[in-house]
Amino acid sequence: MKASVLLKSSLLTSLFIISSCATTKYSEDISKNNYSNLQAGKVYVVTMKDGSTKQKMLFRNIDGDNLIGTAGKKDSTEVIIPKSNVAAVKDRSKARVTAGATVIGAAGVAAIVISALRAD
């Protein structure tokens, strides 16, 4: 029975580790930030440092101190976001993985608790 609980626990832990990569946070010092992990053609949600609303953008490229993209796949409105105003960039596809992992994790925790209660 202990091996089964260990297996479930390790599965749960690995799911949370995989889902932890969904957001890339950036520091106050712009020169230390590495935006090279952003990929052209992917949709990102950018959180601003000033607390304004999150900006969804289809990333195109980096031009100097600005992130450049469009408002979406169907909306060709150009979006220019200064790097100095970026607090975090979230990959929307990884956000879906995080949501799925959270649901699976909750089910895993419930299974562990139920199996531990039945074992006693």
PDB file of N, CA and C in Angstrom:
ATOM      1  N   MET A   1       0.825  -1.200   0.000  1.00  0.00           N
ATOM      2  CA  MET A   1       0.000   0.000   0.000  1.00  0.00           C
ATOM      3  C   MET A   1       0.860   1.251   0.000  1.00  0.00           C
ATOM      4  N   LYS A   2       2.005   1.217   0.722  1.00  0.00           N
ATOM      5  CA  LYS A   2       2.869   2.395   0.777  1.00  0.00           C
ATOM      6  C   LYS A   2       3.463   2.707  -0.578  1.00  0.00           C
ATOM      7  N   ALA A   3       3.766   1.685  -1.386  1.00  0.00           N
ATOM      8  CA  ALA A   3       4.317   1.920  -2.722  1.00  0.00           C
ATOM      9  C   ALA A   3       3.291   2.631  -3.600  1.00  0.00           C
ATOM     10  N   SER A   4       2.041   2.285  -3.449  1.00  0.00           N
ATOM     11  CA  SER A   4       0.983   2.922  -4.227  1.00  0.00           C
ATOM     12  C   SER A   4       0.860   4.402  -3.866  1.00  0.00           C
ATOM     13  N   VAL A   5       0.919   4.723  -2.591  1.00  0.00           N
ATOM     14  CA  VAL A   5       0.845   6.105  -2.144  1.00  0.00           C
ATOM     15  C   VAL A   5       2.076   6.870  -2.628  1.00  0.00           C
ATOM     16  N   LEU A   6       3.248   6.233  -2.602  1.00  0.00           N
ATOM     17  CA  LEU A   6       4.478   6.861  -3.076  1.00  0.00           C
ATOM     18  C   LEU A   6       4.386   7.152  -4.572  1.00  0.00           C
ATOM     19  N   LEU A   7       3.854   6.214  -5.335  1.00  0.00           N
ATOM     20  CA  LEU A   7       3.682   6.400  -6.768  1.00  0.00           C
ATOM     21  C   LEU A   7       2.739   7.564  -7.066  1.00  0.00           C
ATOM     22  N   LYS A   8       1.627   7.621  -6.348  1.00  0.00           N
ATOM     23  CA  LYS A   8       0.676   8.713  -6.542  1.00  0.00           C
ATOM     24  C   LYS A   8       1.289  10.059  -6.155  1.00  0.00           C
ATOM     25  N   SER A   9       2.045  10.065  -5.093  1.00  0.00           N
ATOM     26  CA  SER A   9       2.682  11.309  -4.652  1.00  0.00           C
ATOM     27  C   SER A   9       3.710  11.799  -5.658  1.00  0.00           C
ATOM     28  N   SER A  10       4.514  10.869  -6.197  1.00  0.00           N
ATOM     29  CA  SER A  10       5.524  11.276  -7.179  1.00  0.00           C
ATOM     30  C   SER A  10       4.871  11.759  -8.470  1.00  0.00           C
ATOM     31  N   LEU A  11       3.768  11.157  -8.870  1.00  0.00           N
ATOM     32  CA  LEU A  11       3.040  11.615 -10.054  1.00  0.00           C
ATOM     33  C   LEU A  11       2.502  13.026  -9.835  1.00  0.00           C
ATOM     34  N   LEU A  12       1.949  13.259  -8.689  1.00  0.00           N
ATOM     35  CA  LEU A  12       1.414  14.574  -8.347  1.00  0.00           C
ATOM     36  C   LEU A  12       2.524  15.623  -8.329  1.00  0.00           C
ATOM     37  N   THR A  13       3.648  15.287  -7.746  1.00  0.00           N
ATOM     38  CA  THR A  13       4.778  16.216  -7.681  1.00  0.00           C
ATOM     39  C   THR A  13       5.293  16.542  -9.080  1.00  0.00           C
ATOM     40  N   SER A  14       5.413  15.542  -9.927  1.00  0.00           N
ATOM     41  CA  SER A  14       5.908  15.792 -11.292  1.00  0.00           C
ATOM     42  C   SER A  14       4.947  16.669 -12.083  1.00  0.00           C
ATOM     43  N   LEU A  15       3.647  16.519 -11.874  1.00  0.00           N
ATOM     44  CA  LEU A  15       2.687  17.377 -12.570  1.00  0.00           C
ATOM     45  C   LEU A  15       2.825  18.832 -12.143  1.00  0.00           C
ATOM     46  N   PHE A  16       3.035  19.075 -10.865  1.00  0.00           N
ATOM     47  CA  PHE A  16       3.210  20.444 -10.404  1.00  0.00           C
ATOM     48  C   PHE A  16       4.522  21.045 -10.886  1.00  0.00           C
ATOM     49  N   ILE A  17       5.565  20.230 -11.006  1.00  0.00           N
ATOM     50  CA  ILE A  17       6.838  20.727 -11.526  1.00  0.00           C
ATOM     51  C   ILE A  17       6.691  21.125 -12.986  1.00  0.00           C
ATOM     52  N   ILE A  18       6.001  20.318 -13.768  1.00  0.00           N
ATOM     53  CA  ILE A  18       5.785  20.634 -15.176  1.00  0.00           C
ATOM     54  C   ILE A  18       4.966  21.910 -15.314  1.00  0.00           C
ATOM     55  N   SER A  19       3.958  22.074 -14.482  1.00  0.00           N
ATOM     56  CA  SER A  19       3.080  23.240 -14.607  1.00  0.00           C
ATOM     57  C   SER A  19       3.702  24.512 -14.056  1.00  0.00           C
ATOM     58  N   SER A  20       4.815  24.422 -13.363  1.00  0.00           N
ATOM     59  CA  SER A  20       5.407  25.614 -12.764  1.00  0.00           C
ATOM     60  C   SER A  20       6.094  26.503 -13.788  1.00  0.00           C
ATOM     61  N   CYS A  21       6.240  26.069 -15.016  1.00  0.00           N
ATOM     62  CA  CYS A  21       6.946  26.838 -16.050  1.00  0.00           C
ATOM     63  C   CYS A  21       6.009  27.723 -16.865  1.00  0.00           C
ATOM     64  N   ALA A  22       4.829  27.987 -16.403  1.00  0.00           N
ATOM     65  CA  ALA A  22       3.844  28.695 -17.211  1.00  0.00           C
ATOM     66  C   ALA A  22       4.071  30.193 -17.289  1.00  0.00           C
ATOM     67  N   THR A  23       4.769  30.786 -16.353  1.00  0.00           N
ATOM     68  CA  THR A  23       4.959  32.231 -16.341  1.00  0.00           C
ATOM     69  C   THR A  23       6.428  32.566 -16.216  1.00  0.00           C
ATOM     70  N   THR A  24       6.869  33.552 -16.978  1.00  0.00           N
ATOM     71  CA  THR A  24       8.228  34.058 -16.860  1.00  0.00           C
ATOM     72  C   THR A  24       8.138  35.456 -16.281  1.00  0.00           C
ATOM     73  N   LYS A  25       8.740  35.667 -15.115  1.00  0.00           N
ATOM     74  CA  LYS A  25       8.699  36.972 -14.465  1.00  0.00           C
ATOM     75  C   LYS A  25       9.979  37.721 -14.776  1.00  0.00           C
ATOM     76  N   TYR A  26       9.874  39.044 -14.826  1.00  0.00           N
ATOM     77  CA  TYR A  26      11.008  39.884 -15.172  1.00  0.00           C
ATOM     78  C   TYR A  26      11.310  40.841 -14.035  1.00  0.00           C
ATOM     79  N   SER A  27      12.591  41.172 -13.877  1.00  0.00           N
ATOM     80  CA  SER A  27      13.018  42.012 -12.768  1.00  0.00           C
ATOM     81  C   SER A  27      12.972  43.487 -13.143  1.00  0.00           C
ATOM     82  N   GLU A  28      13.227  44.329 -12.162  1.00  0.00           N
ATOM     83  CA  GLU A  28      13.241  45.776 -12.373  1.00  0.00           C
ATOM     84  C   GLU A  28      14.380  46.199 -13.302  1.00  0.00           C
ATOM     85  N   ASP A  29      15.517  45.495 -13.235  1.00  0.00           N
ATOM     86  CA  ASP A  29      16.674  45.829 -14.050  1.00  0.00           C
ATOM     87  C   ASP A  29      16.498  45.222 -15.441  1.00  0.00           C
ATOM     88  N   ILE A  30      16.200  46.063 -16.426  1.00  0.00           N
ATOM     89  CA  ILE A  30      15.892  45.600 -17.779  1.00  0.00           C
ATOM     90  C   ILE A  30      17.069  44.862 -18.401  1.00  0.00           C
ATOM     91  N   SER A  31      18.294  45.274 -18.097  1.00  0.00           N
ATOM     92  CA  SER A  31      19.464  44.658 -18.721  1.00  0.00           C
ATOM     93  C   SER A  31      19.634  43.185 -18.315  1.00  0.00           C
ATOM     94  N   LYS A  32      19.075  42.786 -17.177  1.00  0.00           N
ATOM     95  CA  LYS A  32      19.185  41.397 -16.720  1.00  0.00           C
ATOM     96  C   LYS A  32      18.104  40.498 -17.323  1.00  0.00           C
ATOM     97  N   ASN A  33      17.077  41.077 -17.901  1.00  0.00           N
ATOM     98  CA  ASN A  33      15.972  40.288 -18.428  1.00  0.00           C
ATOM     99  C   ASN A  33      16.328  39.695 -19.790  1.00  0.00           C
ATOM    100  N   ASN A  34      15.985  38.432 -19.972  1.00  0.00           N
ATOM    101  CA  ASN A  34      16.261  37.734 -21.214  1.00  0.00           C
ATOM    102  C   ASN A  34      14.933  37.431 -21.904  1.00  0.00           C
ATOM    103  N   TYR A  35      14.658  38.154 -22.963  1.00  0.00           N
ATOM    104  CA  TYR A  35      13.403  37.963 -23.692  1.00  0.00           C
ATOM    105  C   TYR A  35      13.575  36.990 -24.857  1.00  0.00           C
ATOM    106  N   SER A  36      14.720  36.308 -24.933  1.00  0.00           N
ATOM    107  CA  SER A  36      14.982  35.422 -26.057  1.00  0.00           C
ATOM    108  C   SER A  36      14.104  34.169 -26.036  1.00  0.00           C
ATOM    109  N   ASN A  37      13.476  33.869 -24.908  1.00  0.00           N
ATOM    110  CA  ASN A  37      12.614  32.689 -24.850  1.00  0.00           C
ATOM    111  C   ASN A  37      11.226  32.942 -25.448  1.00  0.00           C
ATOM    112  N   LEU A  38      10.922  34.190 -25.796  1.00  0.00           N
ATOM    113  CA  LEU A  38       9.657  34.485 -26.465  1.00  0.00           C
ATOM    114  C   LEU A  38       9.755  34.043 -27.920  1.00  0.00           C
ATOM    115  N   GLN A  39       8.727  33.376 -28.405  1.00  0.00           N
ATOM    116  CA  GLN A  39       8.746  32.840 -29.761  1.00  0.00           C
ATOM    117  C   GLN A  39       7.745  33.579 -30.632  1.00  0.00           C
ATOM    118  N   ALA A  40       8.190  33.989 -31.808  1.00  0.00           N
ATOM    119  CA  ALA A  40       7.320  34.678 -32.759  1.00  0.00           C
ATOM    120  C   ALA A  40       6.184  33.749 -33.171  1.00  0.00           C
ATOM    121  N   GLY A  41       4.987  34.306 -33.255  1.00  0.00           N
ATOM    122  CA  GLY A  41       3.824  33.531 -33.663  1.00  0.00           C
ATOM    123  C   GLY A  41       3.053  32.900 -32.522  1.00  0.00           C
ATOM    124  N   LYS A  42       3.509  33.076 -31.280  1.00  0.00           N
ATOM    125  CA  LYS A  42       2.794  32.534 -30.126  1.00  0.00           C
ATOM    126  C   LYS A  42       2.050  33.653 -29.414  1.00  0.00           C
ATOM    127  N   VAL A  43       0.926  33.298 -28.815  1.00  0.00           N
ATOM    128  CA  VAL A  43       0.117  34.268 -28.080  1.00  0.00           C
ATOM    129  C   VAL A  43       0.579  34.290 -26.621  1.00  0.00           C
ATOM    130  N   TYR A  44       0.880  35.481 -26.127  1.00  0.00           N
ATOM    131  CA  TYR A  44       1.316  35.675 -24.746  1.00  0.00           C
ATOM    132  C   TYR A  44       0.384  36.665 -24.056  1.00  0.00           C
ATOM    133  N   VAL A  45       0.271  36.531 -22.744  1.00  0.00           N
ATOM    134  CA  VAL A  45      -0.442  37.497 -21.921  1.00  0.00           C
ATOM    135  C   VAL A  45       0.614  38.234 -21.110  1.00  0.00           C
ATOM    136  N   VAL A  46       0.692  39.550 -21.306  1.00  0.00           N
ATOM    137  CA  VAL A  46       1.723  40.357 -20.670  1.00  0.00           C
ATOM    138  C   VAL A  46       1.102  41.104 -19.491  1.00  0.00           C
ATOM    139  N   THR A  47       1.695  40.928 -18.305  1.00  0.00           N
ATOM    140  CA  THR A  47       1.267  41.642 -17.106  1.00  0.00           C
ATOM    141  C   THR A  47       2.156  42.862 -16.942  1.00  0.00           C
ATOM    142  N   MET A  48       1.541  44.010 -16.719  1.00  0.00           N
ATOM    143  CA  MET A  48       2.272  45.267 -16.612  1.00  0.00           C
ATOM    144  C   MET A  48       2.680  45.553 -15.169  1.00  0.00           C
ATOM    145  N   LYS A  49       3.807  46.245 -15.004  1.00  0.00           N
ATOM    146  CA  LYS A  49       4.285  46.615 -13.673  1.00  0.00           C
ATOM    147  C   LYS A  49       3.405  47.669 -13.025  1.00  0.00           C
ATOM    148  N   ASP A  50       2.787  48.520 -13.835  1.00  0.00           N
ATOM    149  CA  ASP A  50       1.991  49.616 -13.282  1.00  0.00           C
ATOM    150  C   ASP A  50       0.597  49.173 -12.841  1.00  0.00           C
ATOM    151  N   GLY A  51       0.280  47.892 -12.982  1.00  0.00           N
ATOM    152  CA  GLY A  51      -1.007  47.379 -12.516  1.00  0.00           C
ATOM    153  C   GLY A  51      -2.143  47.562 -13.508  1.00  0.00           C
ATOM    154  N   SER A  52      -1.861  48.059 -14.703  1.00  0.00           N
ATOM    155  CA  SER A  52      -2.915  48.212 -15.701  1.00  0.00           C
ATOM    156  C   SER A  52      -3.359  46.827 -16.184  1.00  0.00           C
ATOM    157  N   THR A  53      -4.368  46.801 -17.014  1.00  0.00           N
ATOM    158  CA  THR A  53      -4.929  45.527 -17.458  1.00  0.00           C
ATOM    159  C   THR A  53      -3.893  44.714 -18.221  1.00  0.00           C
ATOM    160  N   LYS A  54      -4.040  43.403 -18.144  1.00  0.00           N
ATOM    161  CA  LYS A  54      -3.141  42.506 -18.860  1.00  0.00           C
ATOM    162  C   LYS A  54      -3.369  42.664 -20.358  1.00  0.00           C
ATOM    163  N   GLN A  55      -2.308  42.561 -21.113  1.00  0.00           N
ATOM    164  CA  GLN A  55      -2.371  42.755 -22.558  1.00  0.00           C
ATOM    165  C   GLN A  55      -2.102  41.432 -23.251  1.00  0.00           C
ATOM    166  N   LYS A  56      -3.040  40.993 -24.078  1.00  0.00           N
ATOM    167  CA  LYS A  56      -2.841  39.778 -24.859  1.00  0.00           C
ATOM    168  C   LYS A  56      -2.208  40.180 -26.184  1.00  0.00           C
ATOM    169  N   MET A  57      -1.170  39.450 -26.589  1.00  0.00           N
ATOM    170  CA  MET A  57      -0.537  39.799 -27.857  1.00  0.00           C
ATOM    171  C   MET A  57       0.009  38.570 -28.560  1.00  0.00           C
ATOM    172  N   LEU A  58      -0.075  38.596 -29.883  1.00  0.00           N
ATOM    173  CA  LEU A  58       0.571  37.610 -30.732  1.00  0.00           C
ATOM    174  C   LEU A  58       1.958  38.164 -31.002  1.00  0.00           C
ATOM    175  N   PHE A  59       2.970  37.587 -30.353  1.00  0.00           N
ATOM    176  CA  PHE A  59       4.322  38.137 -30.378  1.00  0.00           C
ATOM    177  C   PHE A  59       4.922  38.030 -31.772  1.00  0.00           C
ATOM    178  N   ARG A  60       5.566  39.138 -32.200  1.00  0.00           N
ATOM    179  CA  ARG A  60       6.241  39.167 -33.499  1.00  0.00           C
ATOM    180  C   ARG A  60       7.749  39.259 -33.344  1.00  0.00           C
ATOM    181  N   ASN A  61       8.236  40.309 -32.669  1.00  0.00           N
ATOM    182  CA  ASN A  61       9.680  40.476 -32.493  1.00  0.00           C
ATOM    183  C   ASN A  61       9.975  41.503 -31.411  1.00  0.00           C
ATOM    184  N   ILE A  62      11.282  41.714 -31.170  1.00  0.00           N
ATOM    185  CA  ILE A  62      11.744  42.713 -30.218  1.00  0.00           C
ATOM    186  C   ILE A  62      12.480  43.771 -31.012  1.00  0.00           C
ATOM    187  N   ASP A  63      12.113  45.019 -30.801  1.00  0.00           N
ATOM    188  CA  ASP A  63      12.764  46.126 -31.483  1.00  0.00           C
ATOM    189  C   ASP A  63      13.294  47.089 -30.426  1.00  0.00           C
ATOM    190  N   GLY A  64      14.581  46.995 -30.147  1.00  0.00           N
ATOM    191  CA  GLY A  64      15.182  47.865 -29.139  1.00  0.00           C
ATOM    192  C   GLY A  64      14.646  47.559 -27.755  1.00  0.00           C
ATOM    193  N   ASP A  65      13.932  48.511 -27.174  1.00  0.00           N
ATOM    194  CA  ASP A  65      13.373  48.360 -25.826  1.00  0.00           C
ATOM    195  C   ASP A  65      11.878  48.075 -25.844  1.00  0.00           C
ATOM    196  N   ASN A  66      11.359  47.557 -26.957  1.00  0.00           N
ATOM    197  CA  ASN A  66       9.919  47.305 -27.083  1.00  0.00           C
ATOM    198  C   ASN A  66       9.645  45.880 -27.543  1.00  0.00           C
ATOM    199  N   LEU A  67       8.559  45.308 -27.015  1.00  0.00           N
ATOM    200  CA  LEU A  67       8.026  44.050 -27.524  1.00  0.00           C
ATOM    201  C   LEU A  67       6.964  44.417 -28.547  1.00  0.00           C
ATOM    202  N   ILE A  68       7.033  43.819 -29.727  1.00  0.00           N
ATOM    203  CA  ILE A  68       6.109  44.177 -30.797  1.00  0.00           C
ATOM    204  C   ILE A  68       5.308  42.945 -31.201  1.00  0.00           C
ATOM    205  N   GLY A  69       4.020  43.154 -31.398  1.00  0.00           N
ATOM    206  CA  GLY A  69       3.142  42.079 -31.825  1.00  0.00           C
ATOM    207  C   GLY A  69       1.828  42.637 -32.302  1.00  0.00           C
ATOM    208  N   THR A  70       0.855  41.763 -32.431  1.00  0.00           N
ATOM    209  CA  THR A  70      -0.496  42.187 -32.807  1.00  0.00           C
ATOM    210  C   THR A  70      -1.454  41.790 -31.690  1.00  0.00           C
ATOM    211  N   ALA A  71      -2.639  42.361 -31.722  1.00  0.00           N
ATOM    212  CA  ALA A  71      -3.618  42.137 -30.657  1.00  0.00           C
ATOM    213  C   ALA A  71      -4.149  40.709 -30.632  1.00  0.00           C
ATOM    214  N   GLY A  72      -3.993  39.979 -31.699  1.00  0.00           N
ATOM    215  CA  GLY A  72      -4.456  38.599 -31.741  1.00  0.00           C
ATOM    216  C   GLY A  72      -4.251  38.022 -33.123  1.00  0.00           C
ATOM    217  N   LYS A  73      -4.631  36.755 -33.299  1.00  0.00           N
ATOM    218  CA  LYS A  73      -4.457  36.112 -34.599  1.00  0.00           C
ATOM    219  C   LYS A  73      -5.369  36.715 -35.655  1.00  0.00           C
ATOM    220  N   LYS A  74      -6.555  37.149 -35.242  1.00  0.00           N
ATOM    221  CA  LYS A  74      -7.500  37.716 -36.192  1.00  0.00           C
ATOM    222  C   LYS A  74      -7.486  39.243 -36.190  1.00  0.00           C
ATOM    223  N   ASP A  75      -6.980  39.831 -35.129  1.00  0.00           N
ATOM    224  CA  ASP A  75      -6.922  41.295 -35.007  1.00  0.00           C
ATOM    225  C   ASP A  75      -5.497  41.751 -35.309  1.00  0.00           C
ATOM    226  N   SER A  76      -5.328  42.512 -36.394  1.00  0.00           N
ATOM    227  CA  SER A  76      -3.989  42.913 -36.817  1.00  0.00           C
ATOM    228  C   SER A  76      -3.553  44.251 -36.236  1.00  0.00           C
ATOM    229  N   THR A  77      -4.246  44.734 -35.201  1.00  0.00           N
ATOM    230  CA  THR A  77      -3.862  45.981 -34.546  1.00  0.00           C
ATOM    231  C   THR A  77      -2.494  45.800 -33.907  1.00  0.00           C
ATOM    232  N   GLU A  78      -1.544  46.683 -34.239  1.00  0.00           N
ATOM    233  CA  GLU A  78      -0.191  46.553 -33.708  1.00  0.00           C
ATOM    234  C   GLU A  78      -0.151  46.909 -32.230  1.00  0.00           C
ATOM    235  N   VAL A  79       0.553  46.086 -31.465  1.00  0.00           N
ATOM    236  CA  VAL A  79       0.723  46.295 -30.025  1.00  0.00           C
ATOM    237  C   VAL A  79       2.216  46.488 -29.765  1.00  0.00           C
ATOM    238  N   ILE A  80       2.561  47.596 -29.112  1.00  0.00           N
ATOM    239  CA  ILE A  80       3.948  47.874 -28.742  1.00  0.00           C
ATOM    240  C   ILE A  80       3.991  48.055 -27.232  1.00  0.00           C
ATOM    241  N   ILE A  81       4.767  47.203 -26.567  1.00  0.00           N
ATOM    242  CA  ILE A  81       4.860  47.244 -25.105  1.00  0.00           C
ATOM    243  C   ILE A  81       6.317  47.496 -24.729  1.00  0.00           C
ATOM    244  N   PRO A  82       6.594  48.564 -23.984  1.00  0.00           N
ATOM    245  CA  PRO A  82       7.968  48.810 -23.548  1.00  0.00           C
ATOM    246  C   PRO A  82       8.429  47.747 -22.542  1.00  0.00           C
ATOM    247  N   LYS A  83       9.665  47.291 -22.703  1.00  0.00           N
ATOM    248  CA  LYS A  83      10.212  46.279 -21.788  1.00  0.00           C
ATOM    249  C   LYS A  83      10.208  46.776 -20.345  1.00  0.00           C
ATOM    250  N   SER A  84      10.371  48.075 -20.164  1.00  0.00           N
ATOM    251  CA  SER A  84      10.431  48.630 -18.813  1.00  0.00           C
ATOM    252  C   SER A  84       9.102  48.514 -18.078  1.00  0.00           C
ATOM    253  N   ASN A  85       8.017  48.244 -18.793  1.00  0.00           N
ATOM    254  CA  ASN A  85       6.698  48.157 -18.183  1.00  0.00           C
ATOM    255  C   ASN A  85       6.239  46.703 -17.991  1.00  0.00           C
ATOM    256  N   VAL A  86       7.078  45.730 -18.370  1.00  0.00           N
ATOM    257  CA  VAL A  86       6.689  44.320 -18.317  1.00  0.00           C
ATOM    258  C   VAL A  86       7.068  43.713 -16.967  1.00  0.00           C
ATOM    259  N   ALA A  87       6.072  43.146 -16.280  1.00  0.00           N
ATOM    260  CA  ALA A  87       6.319  42.454 -15.013  1.00  0.00           C
ATOM    261  C   ALA A  87       6.410  40.944 -15.236  1.00  0.00           C
ATOM    262  N   ALA A  88       5.548  40.403 -16.099  1.00  0.00           N
ATOM    263  CA  ALA A  88       5.537  38.961 -16.360  1.00  0.00           C
ATOM    264  C   ALA A  88       4.938  38.695 -17.728  1.00  0.00           C
ATOM    265  N   VAL A  89       5.379  37.607 -18.332  1.00  0.00           N
ATOM    266  CA  VAL A  89       4.836  37.169 -19.614  1.00  0.00           C
ATOM    267  C   VAL A  89       4.383  35.737 -19.445  1.00  0.00           C
ATOM    268  N   LYS A  90       3.127  35.477 -19.777  1.00  0.00           N
ATOM    269  CA  LYS A  90       2.554  34.152 -19.590  1.00  0.00           C
ATOM    270  C   LYS A  90       2.199  33.561 -20.952  1.00  0.00           C
ATOM    271  N   ASP A  91       2.665  32.357 -21.177  1.00  0.00           N
ATOM    272  CA  ASP A  91       2.362  31.632 -22.408  1.00  0.00           C
ATOM    273  C   ASP A  91       0.969  31.015 -22.258  1.00  0.00           C
ATOM    274  N   ARG A  92       0.059  31.344 -23.149  1.00  0.00           N
ATOM    275  CA  ARG A  92      -1.323  30.868 -23.015  1.00  0.00           C
ATOM    276  C   ARG A  92      -1.434  29.363 -23.130  1.00  0.00           C
ATOM    277  N   SER A  93      -0.624  28.722 -23.968  1.00  0.00           N
ATOM    278  CA  SER A  93      -0.704  27.264 -24.094  1.00  0.00           C
ATOM    279  C   SER A  93      -0.227  26.589 -22.812  1.00  0.00           C
ATOM    280  N   LYS A  94       0.804  27.156 -22.178  1.00  0.00           N
ATOM    281  CA  LYS A  94       1.273  26.590 -20.911  1.00  0.00           C
ATOM    282  C   LYS A  94       0.271  26.861 -19.795  1.00  0.00           C
ATOM    283  N   ALA A  95      -0.497  27.931 -19.917  1.00  0.00           N
ATOM    284  CA  ALA A  95      -1.523  28.215 -18.922  1.00  0.00           C
ATOM    285  C   ALA A  95      -2.599  27.133 -18.947  1.00  0.00           C
ATOM    286  N   ARG A  96      -2.910  26.624 -20.130  1.00  0.00           N
ATOM    287  CA  ARG A  96      -3.880  25.537 -20.228  1.00  0.00           C
ATOM    288  C   ARG A  96      -3.331  24.275 -19.568  1.00  0.00           C
ATOM    289  N   VAL A  97      -2.030  24.025 -19.749  1.00  0.00           N
ATOM    290  CA  VAL A  97      -1.397  22.875 -19.114  1.00  0.00           C
ATOM    291  C   VAL A  97      -1.465  23.023 -17.595  1.00  0.00           C
ATOM    292  N   THR A  98      -1.241  24.252 -17.110  1.00  0.00           N
ATOM    293  CA  THR A  98      -1.300  24.501 -15.677  1.00  0.00           C
ATOM    294  C   THR A  98      -2.693  24.226 -15.132  1.00  0.00           C
ATOM    295  N   ALA A  99      -3.713  24.674 -15.852  1.00  0.00           N
ATOM    296  CA  ALA A  99      -5.088  24.430 -15.407  1.00  0.00           C
ATOM    297  C   ALA A  99      -5.380  22.933 -15.373  1.00  0.00           C
ATOM    298  N   GLY A 100      -4.955  22.220 -16.403  1.00  0.00           N
ATOM    299  CA  GLY A 100      -5.158  20.775 -16.437  1.00  0.00           C
ATOM    300  C   GLY A 100      -4.404  20.073 -15.323  1.00  0.00           C
ATOM    301  N   ALA A 101      -3.165  20.518 -15.078  1.00  0.00           N
ATOM    302  CA  ALA A 101      -2.368  19.906 -14.015  1.00  0.00           C
ATOM    303  C   ALA A 101      -2.979  20.171 -12.647  1.00  0.00           C
ATOM    304  N   THR A 102      -3.572  21.340 -12.473  1.00  0.00           N
ATOM    305  CA  THR A 102      -4.216  21.659 -11.203  1.00  0.00           C
ATOM    306  C   THR A 102      -5.406  20.733 -10.955  1.00  0.00           C
ATOM    307  N   VAL A 103      -6.199  20.508 -11.989  1.00  0.00           N
ATOM    308  CA  VAL A 103      -7.346  19.610 -11.856  1.00  0.00           C
ATOM    309  C   VAL A 103      -6.869  18.184 -11.570  1.00  0.00           C
ATOM    310  N   ILE A 104      -5.873  17.735 -12.311  1.00  0.00           N
ATOM    311  CA  ILE A 104      -5.340  16.387 -12.095  1.00  0.00           C
ATOM    312  C   ILE A 104      -4.705  16.282 -10.713  1.00  0.00           C
ATOM    313  N   GLY A 105      -4.001  17.337 -10.303  1.00  0.00           N
ATOM    314  CA  GLY A 105      -3.380  17.345  -8.974  1.00  0.00           C
ATOM    315  C   GLY A 105      -4.403  17.260  -7.866  1.00  0.00           C
ATOM    316  N   ALA A 106      -5.494  18.009  -8.007  1.00  0.00           N
ATOM    317  CA  ALA A 106      -6.552  17.958  -7.000  1.00  0.00           C
ATOM    318  C   ALA A 106      -7.166  16.560  -6.931  1.00  0.00           C
ATOM    319  N   ALA A 107      -7.357  15.941  -8.096  1.00  0.00           N
ATOM    320  CA  ALA A 107      -7.892  14.576  -8.104  1.00  0.00           C
ATOM    321  C   ALA A 107      -6.894  13.604  -7.475  1.00  0.00           C
ATOM    322  N   GLY A 108      -5.605  13.825  -7.728  1.00  0.00           N
ATOM    323  CA  GLY A 108      -4.579  12.967  -7.138  1.00  0.00           C
ATOM    324  C   GLY A 108      -4.531  13.088  -5.628  1.00  0.00           C
ATOM    325  N   VAL A 109      -4.606  14.305  -5.133  1.00  0.00           N
ATOM    326  CA  VAL A 109      -4.616  14.524  -3.684  1.00  0.00           C
ATOM    327  C   VAL A 109      -5.843  13.876  -3.059  1.00  0.00           C
ATOM    328  N   ALA A 110      -6.984  14.021  -3.713  1.00  0.00           N
ATOM    329  CA  ALA A 110      -8.203  13.401  -3.195  1.00  0.00           C
ATOM    330  C   ALA A 110      -8.057  11.872  -3.163  1.00  0.00           C
ATOM    331  N   ALA A 111      -7.434  11.302  -4.206  1.00  0.00           N
ATOM    332  CA  ALA A 111      -7.240   9.856  -4.241  1.00  0.00           C
ATOM    333  C   ALA A 111      -6.318   9.390  -3.134  1.00  0.00           C
ATOM    334  N   ILE A 112      -5.263  10.165  -2.875  1.00  0.00           N
ATOM    335  CA  ILE A 112      -4.320   9.798  -1.802  1.00  0.00           C
ATOM    336  C   ILE A 112      -4.998   9.855  -0.442  1.00  0.00           C
ATOM    337  N   VAL A 113      -5.772  10.916  -0.227  1.00  0.00           N
ATOM    338  CA  VAL A 113      -6.469  11.072   1.061  1.00  0.00           C
ATOM    339  C   VAL A 113      -7.482   9.955   1.253  1.00  0.00           C
ATOM    340  N   ILE A 114      -8.242   9.651   0.216  1.00  0.00           N
ATOM    341  CA  ILE A 114      -9.260   8.595   0.332  1.00  0.00           C
ATOM    342  C   ILE A 114      -8.604   7.238   0.579  1.00  0.00           C
ATOM    343  N   SER A 115      -7.503   6.960  -0.155  1.00  0.00           N
ATOM    344  CA  SER A 115      -6.844   5.663   0.049  1.00  0.00           C
ATOM    345  C   SER A 115      -6.190   5.573   1.424  1.00  0.00           C
ATOM    346  N   ALA A 116      -5.695   6.700   1.929  1.00  0.00           N
ATOM    347  CA  ALA A 116      -5.104   6.694   3.274  1.00  0.00           C
ATOM    348  C   ALA A 116      -6.181   6.505   4.329  1.00  0.00           C
ATOM    349  N   LEU A 117      -7.359   7.068   4.128  1.00  0.00           N
ATOM    350  CA  LEU A 117      -8.443   6.918   5.096  1.00  0.00           C
ATOM    351  C   LEU A 117      -8.955   5.471   5.104  1.00  0.00           C
ATOM    352  N   ARG A 118      -8.999   4.846   3.957  1.00  0.00           N
ATOM    353  CA  ARG A 118      -9.479   3.458   3.884  1.00  0.00           C
ATOM    354  C   ARG A 118      -8.471   2.474   4.454  1.00  0.00           C
ATOM    355  N   ALA A 119      -7.188   2.837   4.388  1.00  0.00           N
ATOM    356  CA  ALA A 119      -6.153   1.943   4.901  1.00  0.00           C
ATOM    357  C   ALA A 119      -6.189   1.857   6.428  1.00  0.00           C
ATOM    358  N   ASP A 120      -6.651   2.886   7.078  1.00  0.00           N
ATOM    359  CA  ASP A 120      -6.676   2.902   8.563  1.00  0.00           C
ATOM    360  C   ASP A 120      -7.785   2.108   9.123  1.00  0.00           C
TER     361      ASP A 120
END
